[in-house]
Amino acid sequence: MSRYAIEAEPAVEFDVEAACNWYEGEERGLGFEFLEELRAAYQRILAHPFGYRDLRAGIRRAITRRFPYAIYFSVDGNMIVVLAVLHTARDPAEWQRRI
């Protein structure tokens, strides 16, 4: 059992919903597969949050394995706070505007 908990900023829900809808529009069931990959990435983050490089001011980034998405997060005590889930082709300034 992880000693960390994970929570997401409100904007993350929109990030994930937009990606899921796009993939589902491309192929039925692909949106669900994206969500499963995101869940697996969250589990890896929970297991080893400090195993990801510190980009700036305590913000770290994990890349999903199957889909080209980056998860930007910080660690605050025993809480992992997800700031953004963005396609890797997006401007990284997007997550920076959220902090």
PDB file of N, CA and C in Angstrom:
ATOM      1  N   MET A   1       0.849  -1.189   0.000  1.00  0.00           N
ATOM      2  CA  MET A   1       0.000   0.000   0.000  1.00  0.00           C
ATOM      3  C   MET A   1       0.891   1.248   0.000  1.00  0.00           C
ATOM      4  N   SER A   2       0.537   2.201  -0.822  1.00  0.00           N
ATOM      5  CA  SER A   2       1.328   3.419  -0.949  1.00  0.00           C
ATOM      6  C   SER A   2       1.135   4.312   0.268  1.00  0.00           C
ATOM      7  N   ARG A   3       2.187   5.004   0.614  1.00  0.00           N
ATOM      8  CA  ARG A   3       2.065   5.964   1.712  1.00  0.00           C
ATOM      9  C   ARG A   3       1.592   7.315   1.188  1.00  0.00           C
ATOM     10  N   TYR A   4       1.382   7.397  -0.131  1.00  0.00           N
ATOM     11  CA  TYR A   4       0.931   8.628  -0.761  1.00  0.00           C
ATOM     12  C   TYR A   4      -0.523   8.499  -1.225  1.00  0.00           C
ATOM     13  N   ALA A   5      -1.166   9.639  -1.313  1.00  0.00           N
ATOM     14  CA  ALA A   5      -2.505   9.733  -1.913  1.00  0.00           C
ATOM     15  C   ALA A   5      -2.363  10.665  -3.111  1.00  0.00           C
ATOM     16  N   ILE A   6      -3.289  10.560  -4.031  1.00  0.00           N
ATOM     17  CA  ILE A   6      -3.210  11.382  -5.225  1.00  0.00           C
ATOM     18  C   ILE A   6      -4.498  12.175  -5.379  1.00  0.00           C
ATOM     19  N   GLU A   7      -4.340  13.434  -5.762  1.00  0.00           N
ATOM     20  CA  GLU A   7      -5.502  14.272  -6.058  1.00  0.00           C
ATOM     21  C   GLU A   7      -5.163  15.107  -7.285  1.00  0.00           C
ATOM     22  N   ALA A   8      -6.173  15.502  -8.000  1.00  0.00           N
ATOM     23  CA  ALA A   8      -5.964  16.265  -9.233  1.00  0.00           C
ATOM     24  C   ALA A   8      -6.607  17.635  -9.120  1.00  0.00           C
ATOM     25  N   GLU A   9      -5.921  18.608  -9.692  1.00  0.00           N
ATOM     26  CA  GLU A   9      -6.489  19.948  -9.796  1.00  0.00           C
ATOM     27  C   GLU A   9      -7.728  19.870 -10.705  1.00  0.00           C
ATOM     28  N   PRO A  10      -8.696  20.779 -10.542  1.00  0.00           N
ATOM     29  CA  PRO A  10      -9.918  20.729 -11.360  1.00  0.00           C
ATOM     30  C   PRO A  10      -9.662  20.724 -12.871  1.00  0.00           C
ATOM     31  N   ALA A  11      -8.659  21.428 -13.344  1.00  0.00           N
ATOM     32  CA  ALA A  11      -8.389  21.492 -14.787  1.00  0.00           C
ATOM     33  C   ALA A  11      -7.990  20.133 -15.357  1.00  0.00           C
ATOM     34  N   VAL A  12      -7.474  19.241 -14.521  1.00  0.00           N
ATOM     35  CA  VAL A  12      -7.046  17.927 -14.987  1.00  0.00           C
ATOM     36  C   VAL A  12      -8.236  17.129 -15.508  1.00  0.00           C
ATOM     37  N   GLU A  13      -9.389  17.290 -14.880  1.00  0.00           N
ATOM     38  CA  GLU A  13     -10.588  16.586 -15.340  1.00  0.00           C
ATOM     39  C   GLU A  13     -10.892  16.939 -16.796  1.00  0.00           C
ATOM     40  N   PHE A  14     -10.722  18.195 -17.155  1.00  0.00           N
ATOM     41  CA  PHE A  14     -10.956  18.614 -18.539  1.00  0.00           C
ATOM     42  C   PHE A  14      -9.890  18.050 -19.473  1.00  0.00           C
ATOM     43  N   ASP A  15      -8.630  18.028 -19.026  1.00  0.00           N
ATOM     44  CA  ASP A  15      -7.548  17.441 -19.818  1.00  0.00           C
ATOM     45  C   ASP A  15      -7.876  15.989 -20.170  1.00  0.00           C
ATOM     46  N   VAL A  16      -8.222  15.226 -19.148  1.00  0.00           N
ATOM     47  CA  VAL A  16      -8.465  13.795 -19.303  1.00  0.00           C
ATOM     48  C   VAL A  16      -9.719  13.551 -20.141  1.00  0.00           C
ATOM     49  N   GLU A  17     -10.770  14.302 -19.883  1.00  0.00           N
ATOM     50  CA  GLU A  17     -12.011  14.129 -20.638  1.00  0.00           C
ATOM     51  C   GLU A  17     -11.795  14.426 -22.121  1.00  0.00           C
ATOM     52  N   ALA A  18     -11.062  15.492 -22.429  1.00  0.00           N
ATOM     53  CA  ALA A  18     -10.799  15.851 -23.823  1.00  0.00           C
ATOM     54  C   ALA A  18      -9.998  14.756 -24.520  1.00  0.00           C
ATOM     55  N   ALA A  19      -8.976  14.244 -23.857  1.00  0.00           N
ATOM     56  CA  ALA A  19      -8.156  13.185 -24.451  1.00  0.00           C
ATOM     57  C   ALA A  19      -8.970  11.911 -24.645  1.00  0.00           C
ATOM     58  N   CYS A  20      -9.723  11.547 -23.637  1.00  0.00           N
ATOM     59  CA  CYS A  20     -10.548  10.341 -23.707  1.00  0.00           C
ATOM     60  C   CYS A  20     -11.553  10.445 -24.854  1.00  0.00           C
ATOM     61  N   ASN A  21     -12.215  11.572 -24.964  1.00  0.00           N
ATOM     62  CA  ASN A  21     -13.199  11.768 -26.036  1.00  0.00           C
ATOM     63  C   ASN A  21     -12.544  11.713 -27.411  1.00  0.00           C
ATOM     64  N   TRP A  22     -11.360  12.292 -27.541  1.00  0.00           N
ATOM     65  CA  TRP A  22     -10.670  12.280 -28.826  1.00  0.00           C
ATOM     66  C   TRP A  22     -10.327  10.851 -29.225  1.00  0.00           C
ATOM     67  N   TYR A  23      -9.737  10.095 -28.290  1.00  0.00           N
ATOM     68  CA  TYR A  23      -9.374   8.710 -28.592  1.00  0.00           C
ATOM     69  C   TYR A  23     -10.610   7.861 -28.878  1.00  0.00           C
ATOM     70  N   GLU A  24     -11.655   8.087 -28.149  1.00  0.00           N
ATOM     71  CA  GLU A  24     -12.889   7.321 -28.369  1.00  0.00           C
ATOM     72  C   GLU A  24     -13.470   7.637 -29.749  1.00  0.00           C
ATOM     73  N   GLY A  25     -13.312   8.886 -30.187  1.00  0.00           N
ATOM     74  CA  GLY A  25     -13.759   9.271 -31.525  1.00  0.00           C
ATOM     75  C   GLY A  25     -12.923   8.635 -32.626  1.00  0.00           C
ATOM     76  N   GLU A  26     -11.680   8.323 -32.307  1.00  0.00           N
ATOM     77  CA  GLU A  26     -10.798   7.673 -33.279  1.00  0.00           C
ATOM     78  C   GLU A  26     -11.114   6.189 -33.428  1.00  0.00           C
ATOM     79  N   GLU A  27     -11.394   5.551 -32.294  1.00  0.00           N
ATOM     80  CA  GLU A  27     -11.689   4.114 -32.305  1.00  0.00           C
ATOM     81  C   GLU A  27     -12.449   3.749 -31.038  1.00  0.00           C
ATOM     82  N   ARG A  28     -13.555   3.088 -31.213  1.00  0.00           N
ATOM     83  CA  ARG A  28     -14.380   2.688 -30.069  1.00  0.00           C
ATOM     84  C   ARG A  28     -13.544   1.854 -29.086  1.00  0.00           C
ATOM     85  N   GLY A  29     -13.586   2.229 -27.823  1.00  0.00           N
ATOM     86  CA  GLY A  29     -12.848   1.524 -26.780  1.00  0.00           C
ATOM     87  C   GLY A  29     -11.465   2.097 -26.504  1.00  0.00           C
ATOM     88  N   LEU A  30     -10.948   2.916 -27.419  1.00  0.00           N
ATOM     89  CA  LEU A  30      -9.610   3.473 -27.238  1.00  0.00           C
ATOM     90  C   LEU A  30      -9.583   4.498 -26.102  1.00  0.00           C
ATOM     91  N   GLY A  31     -10.678   5.201 -25.900  1.00  0.00           N
ATOM     92  CA  GLY A  31     -10.764   6.140 -24.784  1.00  0.00           C
ATOM     93  C   GLY A  31     -10.620   5.416 -23.452  1.00  0.00           C
ATOM     94  N   PHE A  32     -11.274   4.268 -23.343  1.00  0.00           N
ATOM     95  CA  PHE A  32     -11.162   3.460 -22.126  1.00  0.00           C
ATOM     96  C   PHE A  32      -9.725   2.979 -21.941  1.00  0.00           C
ATOM     97  N   GLU A  33      -9.077   2.580 -23.022  1.00  0.00           N
ATOM     98  CA  GLU A  33      -7.688   2.140 -22.941  1.00  0.00           C
ATOM     99  C   GLU A  33      -6.776   3.285 -22.484  1.00  0.00           C
ATOM    100  N   PHE A  34      -7.071   4.493 -22.945  1.00  0.00           N
ATOM    101  CA  PHE A  34      -6.313   5.656 -22.482  1.00  0.00           C
ATOM    102  C   PHE A  34      -6.477   5.817 -20.968  1.00  0.00           C
ATOM    103  N   LEU A  35      -7.703   5.706 -20.486  1.00  0.00           N
ATOM    104  CA  LEU A  35      -7.948   5.841 -19.042  1.00  0.00           C
ATOM    105  C   LEU A  35      -7.220   4.760 -18.247  1.00  0.00           C
ATOM    106  N   GLU A  36      -7.178   3.549 -18.776  1.00  0.00           N
ATOM    107  CA  GLU A  36      -6.462   2.462 -18.107  1.00  0.00           C
ATOM    108  C   GLU A  36      -4.960   2.756 -18.049  1.00  0.00           C
ATOM    109  N   GLU A  37      -4.412   3.294 -19.130  1.00  0.00           N
ATOM    110  CA  GLU A  37      -2.988   3.649 -19.152  1.00  0.00           C
ATOM    111  C   GLU A  37      -2.710   4.782 -18.167  1.00  0.00           C
ATOM    112  N   LEU A  38      -3.608   5.735 -18.094  1.00  0.00           N
ATOM    113  CA  LEU A  38      -3.460   6.839 -17.148  1.00  0.00           C
ATOM    114  C   LEU A  38      -3.486   6.309 -15.711  1.00  0.00           C
ATOM    115  N   ARG A  39      -4.379   5.386 -15.444  1.00  0.00           N
ATOM    116  CA  ARG A  39      -4.464   4.776 -14.108  1.00  0.00           C
ATOM    117  C   ARG A  39      -3.154   4.054 -13.767  1.00  0.00           C
ATOM    118  N   ALA A  40      -2.592   3.340 -14.736  1.00  0.00           N
ATOM    119  CA  ALA A  40      -1.320   2.637 -14.510  1.00  0.00           C
ATOM    120  C   ALA A  40      -0.192   3.640 -14.239  1.00  0.00           C
ATOM    121  N   ALA A  41      -0.186   4.748 -14.969  1.00  0.00           N
ATOM    122  CA  ALA A  41       0.832   5.781 -14.739  1.00  0.00           C
ATOM    123  C   ALA A  41       0.681   6.381 -13.344  1.00  0.00           C
ATOM    124  N   TYR A  42      -0.547   6.618 -12.917  1.00  0.00           N
ATOM    125  CA  TYR A  42      -0.775   7.135 -11.563  1.00  0.00           C
ATOM    126  C   TYR A  42      -0.232   6.149 -10.530  1.00  0.00           C
ATOM    127  N   GLN A  43      -0.419   4.864 -10.751  1.00  0.00           N
ATOM    128  CA  GLN A  43       0.082   3.854  -9.807  1.00  0.00           C
ATOM    129  C   GLN A  43       1.608   3.880  -9.745  1.00  0.00           C
ATOM    130  N   ARG A  44       2.261   4.071 -10.894  1.00  0.00           N
ATOM    131  CA  ARG A  44       3.722   4.171 -10.896  1.00  0.00           C
ATOM    132  C   ARG A  44       4.175   5.418 -10.136  1.00  0.00           C
ATOM    133  N   ILE A  45       3.458   6.515 -10.314  1.00  0.00           N
ATOM    134  CA  ILE A  45       3.793   7.751  -9.592  1.00  0.00           C
ATOM    135  C   ILE A  45       3.616   7.545  -8.088  1.00  0.00           C
ATOM    136  N   LEU A  46       2.516   6.926  -7.696  1.00  0.00           N
ATOM    137  CA  LEU A  46       2.269   6.668  -6.276  1.00  0.00           C
ATOM    138  C   LEU A  46       3.372   5.809  -5.661  1.00  0.00           C
ATOM    139  N   ALA A  47       3.868   4.853  -6.427  1.00  0.00           N
ATOM    140  CA  ALA A  47       4.890   3.931  -5.916  1.00  0.00           C
ATOM    141  C   ALA A  47       6.246   4.615  -5.759  1.00  0.00           C
ATOM    142  N   HIS A  48       6.585   5.539  -6.667  1.00  0.00           N
ATOM    143  CA  HIS A  48       7.907   6.161  -6.654  1.00  0.00           C
ATOM    144  C   HIS A  48       7.841   7.612  -7.127  1.00  0.00           C
ATOM    145  N   PRO A  49       7.187   8.493  -6.397  1.00  0.00           N
ATOM    146  CA  PRO A  49       7.027   9.868  -6.878  1.00  0.00           C
ATOM    147  C   PRO A  49       8.341  10.625  -7.078  1.00  0.00           C
ATOM    148  N   PHE A  50       9.364  10.293  -6.303  1.00  0.00           N
ATOM    149  CA  PHE A  50      10.631  11.006  -6.429  1.00  0.00           C
ATOM    150  C   PHE A  50      11.550  10.371  -7.471  1.00  0.00           C
ATOM    151  N   GLY A  51      11.042   9.364  -8.160  1.00  0.00           N
ATOM    152  CA  GLY A  51      11.787   8.740  -9.238  1.00  0.00           C
ATOM    153  C   GLY A  51      11.669   9.519 -10.541  1.00  0.00           C
ATOM    154  N   TYR A  52      10.912  10.593 -10.520  1.00  0.00           N
ATOM    155  CA  TYR A  52      10.711  11.433 -11.707  1.00  0.00           C
ATOM    156  C   TYR A  52      11.471  12.734 -11.522  1.00  0.00           C
ATOM    157  N   ARG A  53      12.086  13.177 -12.595  1.00  0.00           N
ATOM    158  CA  ARG A  53      12.938  14.369 -12.556  1.00  0.00           C
ATOM    159  C   ARG A  53      12.157  15.611 -12.146  1.00  0.00           C
ATOM    160  N   ASP A  54      12.778  16.418 -11.321  1.00  0.00           N
ATOM    161  CA  ASP A  54      12.230  17.714 -10.904  1.00  0.00           C
ATOM    162  C   ASP A  54      12.467  18.690 -12.050  1.00  0.00           C
ATOM    163  N   LEU A  55      11.392  19.126 -12.699  1.00  0.00           N
ATOM    164  CA  LEU A  55      11.517  20.046 -13.825  1.00  0.00           C
ATOM    165  C   LEU A  55      11.804  21.460 -13.369  1.00  0.00           C
ATOM    166  N   ARG A  56      11.041  21.881 -12.358  1.00  0.00           N
ATOM    167  CA  ARG A  56      11.173  23.247 -11.848  1.00  0.00           C
ATOM    168  C   ARG A  56      10.322  23.392 -10.592  1.00  0.00           C
ATOM    169  N   ALA A  57      10.904  23.929  -9.566  1.00  0.00           N
ATOM    170  CA  ALA A  57      10.188  24.267  -8.335  1.00  0.00           C
ATOM    171  C   ALA A  57       9.338  23.112  -7.794  1.00  0.00           C
ATOM    172  N   GLY A  58       9.882  21.893  -7.857  1.00  0.00           N
ATOM    173  CA  GLY A  58       9.168  20.750  -7.295  1.00  0.00           C
ATOM    174  C   GLY A  58       8.140  20.125  -8.211  1.00  0.00           C
ATOM    175  N   ILE A  59       8.032  20.579  -9.437  1.00  0.00           N
ATOM    176  CA  ILE A  59       7.095  19.996 -10.403  1.00  0.00           C
ATOM    177  C   ILE A  59       7.818  18.878 -11.144  1.00  0.00           C
ATOM    178  N   ARG A  60       7.201  17.722 -11.185  1.00  0.00           N
ATOM    179  CA  ARG A  60       7.779  16.549 -11.834  1.00  0.00           C
ATOM    180  C   ARG A  60       6.893  16.120 -13.003  1.00  0.00           C
ATOM    181  N   ARG A  61       7.472  15.296 -13.886  1.00  0.00           N
ATOM    182  CA  ARG A  61       6.708  14.859 -15.065  1.00  0.00           C
ATOM    183  C   ARG A  61       6.888  13.364 -15.267  1.00  0.00           C
ATOM    184  N   ALA A  62       5.764  12.680 -15.461  1.00  0.00           N
ATOM    185  CA  ALA A  62       5.762  11.266 -15.820  1.00  0.00           C
ATOM    186  C   ALA A  62       5.144  11.164 -17.218  1.00  0.00           C
ATOM    187  N   ILE A  63       5.705  10.281 -18.037  1.00  0.00           N
ATOM    188  CA  ILE A  63       5.186  10.072 -19.382  1.00  0.00           C
ATOM    189  C   ILE A  63       4.453   8.734 -19.403  1.00  0.00           C
ATOM    190  N   THR A  64       3.251   8.722 -20.001  1.00  0.00           N
ATOM    191  CA  THR A  64       2.535   7.461 -20.127  1.00  0.00           C
ATOM    192  C   THR A  64       3.274   6.579 -21.126  1.00  0.00           C
ATOM    193  N   ARG A  65       3.111   5.286 -21.010  1.00  0.00           N
ATOM    194  CA  ARG A  65       3.867   4.353 -21.847  1.00  0.00           C
ATOM    195  C   ARG A  65       3.253   4.179 -23.238  1.00  0.00           C
ATOM    196  N   ARG A  66       1.961   4.067 -23.314  1.00  0.00           N
ATOM    197  CA  ARG A  66       1.325   3.759 -24.606  1.00  0.00           C
ATOM    198  C   ARG A  66       0.884   4.994 -25.371  1.00  0.00           C
ATOM    199  N   PHE A  67       0.448   5.998 -24.678  1.00  0.00           N
ATOM    200  CA  PHE A  67      -0.069   7.209 -25.302  1.00  0.00           C
ATOM    201  C   PHE A  67       0.910   8.359 -25.054  1.00  0.00           C
ATOM    202  N   PRO A  68       1.000   9.305 -25.968  1.00  0.00           N
ATOM    203  CA  PRO A  68       1.980  10.395 -25.805  1.00  0.00           C
ATOM    204  C   PRO A  68       1.476  11.516 -24.886  1.00  0.00           C
ATOM    205  N   TYR A  69       1.327  11.188 -23.611  1.00  0.00           N
ATOM    206  CA  TYR A  69       0.830  12.154 -22.627  1.00  0.00           C
ATOM    207  C   TYR A  69       1.793  12.278 -21.469  1.00  0.00           C
ATOM    208  N   ALA A  70       1.893  13.506 -20.954  1.00  0.00           N
ATOM    209  CA  ALA A  70       2.725  13.799 -19.792  1.00  0.00           C
ATOM    210  C   ALA A  70       1.823  14.165 -18.626  1.00  0.00           C
ATOM    211  N   ILE A  71       2.175  13.662 -17.467  1.00  0.00           N
ATOM    212  CA  ILE A  71       1.459  13.973 -16.227  1.00  0.00           C
ATOM    213  C   ILE A  71       2.390  14.857 -15.403  1.00  0.00           C
ATOM    214  N   TYR A  72       1.964  16.077 -15.155  1.00  0.00           N
ATOM    215  CA  TYR A  72       2.744  17.027 -14.358  1.00  0.00           C
ATOM    216  C   TYR A  72       2.190  17.013 -12.942  1.00  0.00           C
ATOM    217  N   PHE A  73       3.071  16.839 -11.967  1.00  0.00           N
ATOM    218  CA  PHE A  73       2.608  16.711 -10.586  1.00  0.00           C
ATOM    219  C   PHE A  73       3.642  17.258  -9.610  1.00  0.00           C
ATOM    220  N   SER A  74       3.171  17.497  -8.393  1.00  0.00           N
ATOM    221  CA  SER A  74       4.058  17.885  -7.297  1.00  0.00           C
ATOM    222  C   SER A  74       3.769  16.967  -6.113  1.00  0.00           C
ATOM    223  N   VAL A  75       4.705  16.936  -5.189  1.00  0.00           N
ATOM    224  CA  VAL A  75       4.538  16.133  -3.980  1.00  0.00           C
ATOM    225  C   VAL A  75       4.511  17.101  -2.812  1.00  0.00           C
ATOM    226  N   ASP A  76       3.416  17.055  -2.065  1.00  0.00           N
ATOM    227  CA  ASP A  76       3.231  17.938  -0.918  1.00  0.00           C
ATOM    228  C   ASP A  76       2.939  17.058   0.298  1.00  0.00           C
ATOM    229  N   GLY A  77       3.980  16.762   1.068  1.00  0.00           N
ATOM    230  CA  GLY A  77       3.816  15.848   2.197  1.00  0.00           C
ATOM    231  C   GLY A  77       3.532  14.453   1.667  1.00  0.00           C
ATOM    232  N   ASN A  78       2.391  13.890   2.058  1.00  0.00           N
ATOM    233  CA  ASN A  78       2.017  12.573   1.547  1.00  0.00           C
ATOM    234  C   ASN A  78       0.980  12.672   0.421  1.00  0.00           C
ATOM    235  N   MET A  79       0.803  13.875  -0.117  1.00  0.00           N
ATOM    236  CA  MET A  79      -0.168  14.097  -1.187  1.00  0.00           C
ATOM    237  C   MET A  79       0.555  14.372  -2.505  1.00  0.00           C
ATOM    238  N   ILE A  80       0.172  13.651  -3.534  1.00  0.00           N
ATOM    239  CA  ILE A  80       0.646  13.912  -4.885  1.00  0.00           C
ATOM    240  C   ILE A  80      -0.451  14.701  -5.578  1.00  0.00           C
ATOM    241  N   VAL A  81      -0.102  15.895  -6.040  1.00  0.00           N
ATOM    242  CA  VAL A  81      -1.078  16.787  -6.666  1.00  0.00           C
ATOM    243  C   VAL A  81      -0.803  16.824  -8.170  1.00  0.00           C
ATOM    244  N   VAL A  82      -1.748  16.324  -8.953  1.00  0.00           N
ATOM    245  CA  VAL A  82      -1.624  16.339 -10.411  1.00  0.00           C
ATOM    246  C   VAL A  82      -2.099  17.702 -10.896  1.00  0.00           C
ATOM    247  N   LEU A  83      -1.212  18.385 -11.625  1.00  0.00           N
ATOM    248  CA  LEU A  83      -1.503  19.732 -12.123  1.00  0.00           C
ATOM    249  C   LEU A  83      -2.043  19.724 -13.542  1.00  0.00           C
ATOM    250  N   ALA A  84      -1.576  18.765 -14.354  1.00  0.00           N
ATOM    251  CA  ALA A  84      -1.992  18.724 -15.750  1.00  0.00           C
ATOM    252  C   ALA A  84      -1.704  17.348 -16.338  1.00  0.00           C
ATOM    253  N   VAL A  85      -2.520  16.968 -17.302  1.00  0.00           N
ATOM    254  CA  VAL A  85      -2.305  15.777 -18.123  1.00  0.00           C
ATOM    255  C   VAL A  85      -2.396  16.279 -19.556  1.00  0.00           C
ATOM    256  N   LEU A  86      -1.232  16.414 -20.200  1.00  0.00           N
ATOM    257  CA  LEU A  86      -1.173  17.071 -21.508  1.00  0.00           C
ATOM    258  C   LEU A  86      -0.472  16.206 -22.543  1.00  0.00           C
ATOM    259  N   HIS A  87      -0.938  16.319 -23.776  1.00  0.00           N
ATOM    260  CA  HIS A  87      -0.263  15.664 -24.896  1.00  0.00           C
ATOM    261  C   HIS A  87       1.161  16.197 -24.954  1.00  0.00           C
ATOM    262  N   THR A  88       2.111  15.352 -25.265  1.00  0.00           N
ATOM    263  CA  THR A  88       3.508  15.769 -25.248  1.00  0.00           C
ATOM    264  C   THR A  88       3.841  16.793 -26.335  1.00  0.00           C
ATOM    265  N   ALA A  89       2.969  16.932 -27.335  1.00  0.00           N
ATOM    266  CA  ALA A  89       3.194  17.942 -28.377  1.00  0.00           C
ATOM    267  C   ALA A  89       2.697  19.327 -27.956  1.00  0.00           C
ATOM    268  N   ARG A  90       1.957  19.395 -26.854  1.00  0.00           N
ATOM    269  CA  ARG A  90       1.454  20.686 -26.373  1.00  0.00           C
ATOM    270  C   ARG A  90       2.589  21.539 -25.811  1.00  0.00           C
ATOM    271  N   ASP A  91       2.370  22.819 -25.829  1.00  0.00           N
ATOM    272  CA  ASP A  91       3.334  23.769 -25.277  1.00  0.00           C
ATOM    273  C   ASP A  91       3.451  23.526 -23.773  1.00  0.00           C
ATOM    274  N   PRO A  92       4.668  23.261 -23.259  1.00  0.00           N
ATOM    275  CA  PRO A  92       4.820  23.015 -21.827  1.00  0.00           C
ATOM    276  C   PRO A  92       4.460  24.225 -20.965  1.00  0.00           C
ATOM    277  N   ALA A  93       4.349  25.388 -21.564  1.00  0.00           N
ATOM    278  CA  ALA A  93       3.943  26.567 -20.796  1.00  0.00           C
ATOM    279  C   ALA A  93       2.532  26.403 -20.230  1.00  0.00           C
ATOM    280  N   GLU A  94       1.751  25.493 -20.818  1.00  0.00           N
ATOM    281  CA  GLU A  94       0.381  25.265 -20.328  1.00  0.00           C
ATOM    282  C   GLU A  94       0.383  24.828 -18.865  1.00  0.00           C
ATOM    283  N   TRP A  95       1.220  23.871 -18.486  1.00  0.00           N
ATOM    284  CA  TRP A  95       1.236  23.441 -17.083  1.00  0.00           C
ATOM    285  C   TRP A  95       1.828  24.523 -16.204  1.00  0.00           C
ATOM    286  N   GLN A  96       2.743  25.316 -16.742  1.00  0.00           N
ATOM    287  CA  GLN A  96       3.372  26.377 -15.959  1.00  0.00           C
ATOM    288  C   GLN A  96       2.367  27.466 -15.595  1.00  0.00           C
ATOM    289  N   ARG A  97       1.387  27.682 -16.441  1.00  0.00           N
ATOM    290  CA  ARG A  97       0.347  28.692 -16.134  1.00  0.00           C
ATOM    291  C   ARG A  97      -0.555  28.233 -14.992  1.00  0.00           C
ATOM    292  N   ARG A  98      -0.556  26.946 -14.704  1.00  0.00           N
ATOM    293  CA  ARG A  98      -1.451  26.404 -13.686  1.00  0.00           C
ATOM    294  C   ARG A  98      -0.875  26.448 -12.286  1.00  0.00           C
ATOM    295  N   ILE A  99       0.419  26.756 -12.157  1.00  0.00           N
ATOM    296  CA  ILE A  99       0.986  26.760 -10.802  1.00  0.00           C
ATOM    297  C   ILE A  99       1.008  28.146 -10.219  1.00  0.00           C
TER     298      ILE A  99
END
